Amino acid sequence: MNMDHPDLFMKVLPALESKIEEFQHFGYDHITKEDVWNYCVKKKWRKKIIEELKLHEVVETVFSISASEIVSFTQIQSFQTSNWFGELNQNDLNELFRKDPKKG
């Protein structure tokens, strides 16, 4: 997993761990601190200069995230990075998308 801004990640690690404990309390055992961090970096702060964020802003963002936000983001990321036709070669794709001669 790509970990952007590792120094800042380490500074807010206690907040991330606390958030993960909250999620686990509500039954979201599959969400990791890396998932929360990547959500912040790629979604919450995508238009910001992360190095210019104040520590309290970073912690506030972490604590404000809901489990449903993380789950939705993770699902969308999964769909966007999936190669739906990865095992098909060009002939298979042509066959799949060819016009049916019977329908004209």
N, C-alpha and C. Protein backbone atom coordinates (compact mmCIF):
# COMPACT_ATOMS: atom_id res chain seq x y z
N MET A 1 0.84 -1.18 0.00
CA MET A 1 0.00 0.00 0.00
C MET A 1 0.88 1.24 0.00
N ASN A 2 0.56 2.18 -0.84
CA ASN A 2 1.30 3.43 -0.94
C ASN A 2 1.04 4.28 0.29
N MET A 3 2.09 4.70 0.97
CA MET A 3 1.93 5.51 2.16
C MET A 3 2.53 6.89 1.91
N ASP A 4 1.66 7.86 1.61
CA ASP A 4 2.09 9.23 1.38
C ASP A 4 2.30 9.95 2.71
N HIS A 5 3.28 10.81 2.77
CA HIS A 5 3.56 11.66 3.92
C HIS A 5 3.80 10.86 5.20
N PRO A 6 4.81 9.99 5.21
CA PRO A 6 5.02 9.10 6.36
C PRO A 6 5.34 9.84 7.67
N ASP A 7 6.01 11.00 7.60
CA ASP A 7 6.33 11.73 8.83
C ASP A 7 5.07 12.24 9.52
N LEU A 8 4.16 12.80 8.74
CA LEU A 8 2.90 13.29 9.29
C LEU A 8 2.06 12.12 9.80
N PHE A 9 2.08 11.02 9.08
CA PHE A 9 1.37 9.81 9.50
C PHE A 9 1.82 9.41 10.91
N MET A 10 3.13 9.39 11.13
CA MET A 10 3.66 8.98 12.44
C MET A 10 3.25 9.96 13.54
N LYS A 11 3.16 11.25 13.20
CA LYS A 11 2.76 12.25 14.20
C LYS A 11 1.31 12.05 14.66
N VAL A 12 0.45 11.64 13.74
CA VAL A 12 -0.97 11.50 14.07
C VAL A 12 -1.37 10.05 14.30
N LEU A 13 -0.40 9.17 14.41
CA LEU A 13 -0.68 7.76 14.62
C LEU A 13 -1.58 7.50 15.83
N PRO A 14 -1.39 8.17 16.97
CA PRO A 14 -2.31 7.93 18.09
C PRO A 14 -3.77 8.28 17.75
N ALA A 15 -3.98 9.33 16.99
CA ALA A 15 -5.35 9.69 16.57
C ALA A 15 -5.91 8.64 15.62
N LEU A 16 -5.10 8.16 14.72
CA LEU A 16 -5.54 7.12 13.79
C LEU A 16 -5.89 5.83 14.54
N GLU A 17 -5.07 5.46 15.50
CA GLU A 17 -5.33 4.25 16.28
C GLU A 17 -6.61 4.40 17.10
N SER A 18 -6.84 5.59 17.63
CA SER A 18 -8.07 5.85 18.38
C SER A 18 -9.29 5.72 17.48
N LYS A 19 -9.18 6.24 16.26
CA LYS A 19 -10.29 6.15 15.30
C LYS A 19 -10.56 4.70 14.93
N ILE A 20 -9.52 3.92 14.75
CA ILE A 20 -9.68 2.50 14.42
C ILE A 20 -10.37 1.77 15.58
N GLU A 21 -10.01 2.09 16.81
CA GLU A 21 -10.68 1.49 17.97
C GLU A 21 -12.17 1.83 17.98
N GLU A 22 -12.50 3.06 17.62
CA GLU A 22 -13.91 3.47 17.52
C GLU A 22 -14.63 2.64 16.46
N PHE A 23 -14.02 2.50 15.29
CA PHE A 23 -14.63 1.70 14.22
C PHE A 23 -14.82 0.25 14.66
N GLN A 24 -13.82 -0.30 15.35
CA GLN A 24 -13.92 -1.68 15.82
C GLN A 24 -15.04 -1.84 16.83
N HIS A 25 -15.24 -0.84 17.65
CA HIS A 25 -16.33 -0.86 18.63
C HIS A 25 -17.69 -1.01 17.93
N PHE A 26 -17.81 -0.41 16.75
CA PHE A 26 -19.06 -0.48 15.99
C PHE A 26 -19.08 -1.61 14.97
N GLY A 27 -18.08 -2.49 15.03
CA GLY A 27 -18.10 -3.68 14.18
C GLY A 27 -17.37 -3.56 12.86
N TYR A 28 -16.67 -2.49 12.63
CA TYR A 28 -15.91 -2.31 11.39
C TYR A 28 -14.46 -2.75 11.61
N ASP A 29 -14.27 -4.05 11.73
CA ASP A 29 -12.96 -4.60 12.05
C ASP A 29 -12.00 -4.59 10.87
N HIS A 30 -12.52 -4.44 9.67
CA HIS A 30 -11.68 -4.54 8.47
C HIS A 30 -11.02 -3.21 8.09
N ILE A 31 -11.42 -2.10 8.70
CA ILE A 31 -10.83 -0.79 8.38
C ILE A 31 -9.52 -0.64 9.14
N THR A 32 -8.46 -0.26 8.41
CA THR A 32 -7.14 -0.09 9.02
C THR A 32 -6.78 1.39 9.12
N LYS A 33 -5.76 1.67 9.90
CA LYS A 33 -5.30 3.06 10.00
C LYS A 33 -4.77 3.55 8.67
N GLU A 34 -4.23 2.63 7.86
CA GLU A 34 -3.76 3.02 6.52
C GLU A 34 -4.94 3.39 5.62
N ASP A 35 -6.07 2.68 5.78
CA ASP A 35 -7.28 3.04 5.02
C ASP A 35 -7.73 4.45 5.37
N VAL A 36 -7.75 4.76 6.65
CA VAL A 36 -8.16 6.10 7.10
C VAL A 36 -7.20 7.14 6.56
N TRP A 37 -5.91 6.86 6.65
CA TRP A 37 -4.90 7.80 6.19
C TRP A 37 -5.02 8.05 4.68
N ASN A 38 -5.16 6.98 3.91
CA ASN A 38 -5.27 7.13 2.47
C ASN A 38 -6.54 7.88 2.09
N TYR A 39 -7.62 7.67 2.83
CA TYR A 39 -8.85 8.42 2.59
C TYR A 39 -8.61 9.92 2.81
N CYS A 40 -7.93 10.24 3.89
CA CYS A 40 -7.62 11.66 4.16
C CYS A 40 -6.78 12.26 3.04
N VAL A 41 -5.70 11.57 2.69
CA VAL A 41 -4.77 12.10 1.69
C VAL A 41 -5.44 12.23 0.32
N LYS A 42 -6.16 11.20 -0.09
CA LYS A 42 -6.70 11.17 -1.46
C LYS A 42 -8.06 11.83 -1.61
N LYS A 43 -8.82 11.97 -0.54
CA LYS A 43 -10.15 12.53 -0.64
C LYS A 43 -10.28 13.86 0.10
N LYS A 44 -10.01 13.85 1.38
CA LYS A 44 -10.22 15.04 2.21
C LYS A 44 -9.23 16.17 1.88
N TRP A 45 -7.98 15.80 1.60
CA TRP A 45 -6.94 16.81 1.39
C TRP A 45 -6.46 16.87 -0.05
N ARG A 46 -7.20 16.32 -0.98
CA ARG A 46 -6.71 16.21 -2.36
C ARG A 46 -6.42 17.58 -3.00
N LYS A 47 -7.10 18.63 -2.57
CA LYS A 47 -6.88 19.95 -3.15
C LYS A 47 -6.07 20.86 -2.23
N LYS A 48 -5.49 20.28 -1.20
CA LYS A 48 -4.72 21.07 -0.24
C LYS A 48 -3.26 20.69 -0.31
N ILE A 49 -2.43 21.60 0.15
CA ILE A 49 -1.01 21.31 0.30
C ILE A 49 -0.84 20.72 1.69
N ILE A 50 -0.64 19.43 1.72
CA ILE A 50 -0.67 18.70 2.98
C ILE A 50 0.42 19.17 3.94
N GLU A 51 1.56 19.54 3.41
CA GLU A 51 2.66 20.01 4.26
C GLU A 51 2.29 21.31 4.98
N GLU A 52 1.30 22.04 4.49
CA GLU A 52 0.90 23.30 5.12
C GLU A 52 -0.23 23.13 6.13
N LEU A 53 -0.78 21.92 6.24
CA LEU A 53 -1.84 21.68 7.22
C LEU A 53 -1.26 21.72 8.63
N LYS A 54 -2.01 22.31 9.53
CA LYS A 54 -1.60 22.32 10.93
C LYS A 54 -1.97 20.99 11.56
N LEU A 55 -1.22 20.59 12.56
CA LEU A 55 -1.42 19.30 13.20
C LEU A 55 -2.85 19.15 13.72
N HIS A 56 -3.39 20.21 14.31
CA HIS A 56 -4.75 20.11 14.85
C HIS A 56 -5.78 19.93 13.73
N GLU A 57 -5.51 20.47 12.53
CA GLU A 57 -6.42 20.27 11.40
C GLU A 57 -6.40 18.81 10.94
N VAL A 58 -5.22 18.23 10.93
CA VAL A 58 -5.07 16.83 10.53
C VAL A 58 -5.81 15.93 11.51
N VAL A 59 -5.60 16.15 12.81
CA VAL A 59 -6.26 15.34 13.83
C VAL A 59 -7.78 15.53 13.77
N GLU A 60 -8.23 16.75 13.58
CA GLU A 60 -9.66 17.03 13.47
C GLU A 60 -10.28 16.27 12.30
N THR A 61 -9.58 16.25 11.18
CA THR A 61 -10.07 15.51 10.02
C THR A 61 -10.20 14.03 10.34
N VAL A 62 -9.18 13.47 10.95
CA VAL A 62 -9.20 12.05 11.29
C VAL A 62 -10.40 11.73 12.19
N PHE A 63 -10.62 12.56 13.21
CA PHE A 63 -11.71 12.29 14.16
C PHE A 63 -13.09 12.54 13.56
N SER A 64 -13.18 13.30 12.48
CA SER A 64 -14.49 13.62 11.91
C SER A 64 -14.98 12.59 10.88
N ILE A 65 -14.14 11.64 10.51
CA ILE A 65 -14.48 10.67 9.47
C ILE A 65 -15.40 9.59 10.02
N SER A 66 -16.38 9.22 9.19
CA SER A 66 -17.27 8.12 9.57
C SER A 66 -16.83 6.84 8.85
N ALA A 67 -17.23 5.72 9.41
CA ALA A 67 -16.89 4.44 8.81
C ALA A 67 -17.50 4.31 7.42
N SER A 68 -18.70 4.82 7.23
CA SER A 68 -19.35 4.72 5.92
C SER A 68 -18.58 5.49 4.85
N GLU A 69 -17.95 6.59 5.22
CA GLU A 69 -17.12 7.33 4.26
C GLU A 69 -15.96 6.47 3.78
N ILE A 70 -15.30 5.81 4.72
CA ILE A 70 -14.16 4.96 4.39
C ILE A 70 -14.59 3.78 3.52
N VAL A 71 -15.69 3.14 3.90
CA VAL A 71 -16.18 1.98 3.14
C VAL A 71 -16.53 2.40 1.71
N SER A 72 -17.26 3.50 1.55
CA SER A 72 -17.64 3.97 0.22
C SER A 72 -16.41 4.31 -0.62
N PHE A 73 -15.47 5.02 -0.02
CA PHE A 73 -14.26 5.40 -0.73
C PHE A 73 -13.46 4.18 -1.17
N THR A 74 -13.34 3.20 -0.27
CA THR A 74 -12.60 1.99 -0.59
C THR A 74 -13.26 1.22 -1.73
N GLN A 75 -14.58 1.14 -1.71
CA GLN A 75 -15.29 0.45 -2.78
C GLN A 75 -15.09 1.15 -4.12
N ILE A 76 -15.19 2.46 -4.13
CA ILE A 76 -15.00 3.22 -5.37
C ILE A 76 -13.58 3.05 -5.88
N GLN A 77 -12.59 3.11 -4.99
CA GLN A 77 -11.20 2.91 -5.39
C GLN A 77 -11.00 1.53 -5.99
N SER A 78 -11.65 0.55 -5.42
CA SER A 78 -11.54 -0.81 -5.92
C SER A 78 -12.11 -0.93 -7.32
N PHE A 79 -13.26 -0.32 -7.55
CA PHE A 79 -13.87 -0.35 -8.88
C PHE A 79 -13.01 0.39 -9.91
N GLN A 80 -12.41 1.51 -9.50
CA GLN A 80 -11.61 2.31 -10.43
C GLN A 80 -10.30 1.64 -10.79
N THR A 81 -9.77 0.82 -9.92
CA THR A 81 -8.47 0.20 -10.20
C THR A 81 -8.60 -1.21 -10.74
N SER A 82 -9.82 -1.75 -10.77
CA SER A 82 -10.01 -3.10 -11.29
C SER A 82 -9.86 -3.12 -12.80
N ASN A 83 -9.22 -4.16 -13.28
CA ASN A 83 -9.10 -4.38 -14.71
C ASN A 83 -10.10 -5.46 -15.07
N TRP A 84 -11.28 -5.03 -15.45
CA TRP A 84 -12.40 -5.93 -15.68
C TRP A 84 -12.13 -6.93 -16.79
N PHE A 85 -11.31 -6.54 -17.77
CA PHE A 85 -11.05 -7.40 -18.93
C PHE A 85 -9.60 -7.84 -18.97
N GLY A 86 -8.94 -7.92 -17.82
CA GLY A 86 -7.53 -8.22 -17.76
C GLY A 86 -7.13 -9.55 -18.36
N GLU A 87 -7.99 -10.55 -18.25
CA GLU A 87 -7.64 -11.87 -18.76
C GLU A 87 -8.04 -12.09 -20.21
N LEU A 88 -8.71 -11.12 -20.81
CA LEU A 88 -9.13 -11.25 -22.20
C LEU A 88 -8.06 -10.71 -23.13
N ASN A 89 -7.86 -11.38 -24.25
CA ASN A 89 -6.96 -10.84 -25.26
C ASN A 89 -7.77 -10.04 -26.27
N GLN A 90 -7.13 -9.46 -27.25
CA GLN A 90 -7.82 -8.61 -28.22
C GLN A 90 -8.89 -9.37 -28.99
N ASN A 91 -8.63 -10.61 -29.37
CA ASN A 91 -9.63 -11.40 -30.09
C ASN A 91 -10.87 -11.64 -29.23
N ASP A 92 -10.66 -11.91 -27.96
CA ASP A 92 -11.79 -12.10 -27.05
C ASP A 92 -12.62 -10.82 -26.94
N LEU A 93 -11.95 -9.68 -26.83
CA LEU A 93 -12.66 -8.41 -26.75
C LEU A 93 -13.43 -8.12 -28.03
N ASN A 94 -12.80 -8.39 -29.18
CA ASN A 94 -13.50 -8.18 -30.46
C ASN A 94 -14.74 -9.05 -30.54
N GLU A 95 -14.62 -10.28 -30.12
CA GLU A 95 -15.76 -11.20 -30.13
C GLU A 95 -16.85 -10.72 -29.18
N LEU A 96 -16.45 -10.24 -28.03
CA LEU A 96 -17.40 -9.78 -27.04
C LEU A 96 -18.20 -8.57 -27.54
N PHE A 97 -17.53 -7.67 -28.23
CA PHE A 97 -18.18 -6.43 -28.65
C PHE A 97 -18.57 -6.38 -30.14
N ARG A 98 -18.49 -7.50 -30.82
CA ARG A 98 -18.85 -7.49 -32.25
C ARG A 98 -20.36 -7.39 -32.39
N LYS A 99 -20.74 -6.82 -33.49
CA LYS A 99 -22.14 -6.68 -33.81
C LYS A 99 -22.74 -8.02 -34.16
N ASP A 100 -23.93 -8.28 -33.72
CA ASP A 100 -24.63 -9.53 -34.05
C ASP A 100 -25.12 -9.43 -35.50
N PRO A 101 -24.63 -10.28 -36.41
CA PRO A 101 -25.03 -10.18 -37.82
C PRO A 101 -26.53 -10.42 -38.01
N LYS A 102 -27.16 -11.12 -37.12
CA LYS A 102 -28.58 -11.40 -37.24
C LYS A 102 -29.43 -10.16 -36.95
N LYS A 103 -28.90 -9.27 -36.10
CA LYS A 103 -29.65 -8.07 -35.73
C LYS A 103 -29.38 -6.90 -36.64
N GLY A 104 -28.38 -7.03 -37.46
CA GLY A 104 -28.10 -6.02 -38.47
C GLY A 104 -27.39 -4.88 -37.95
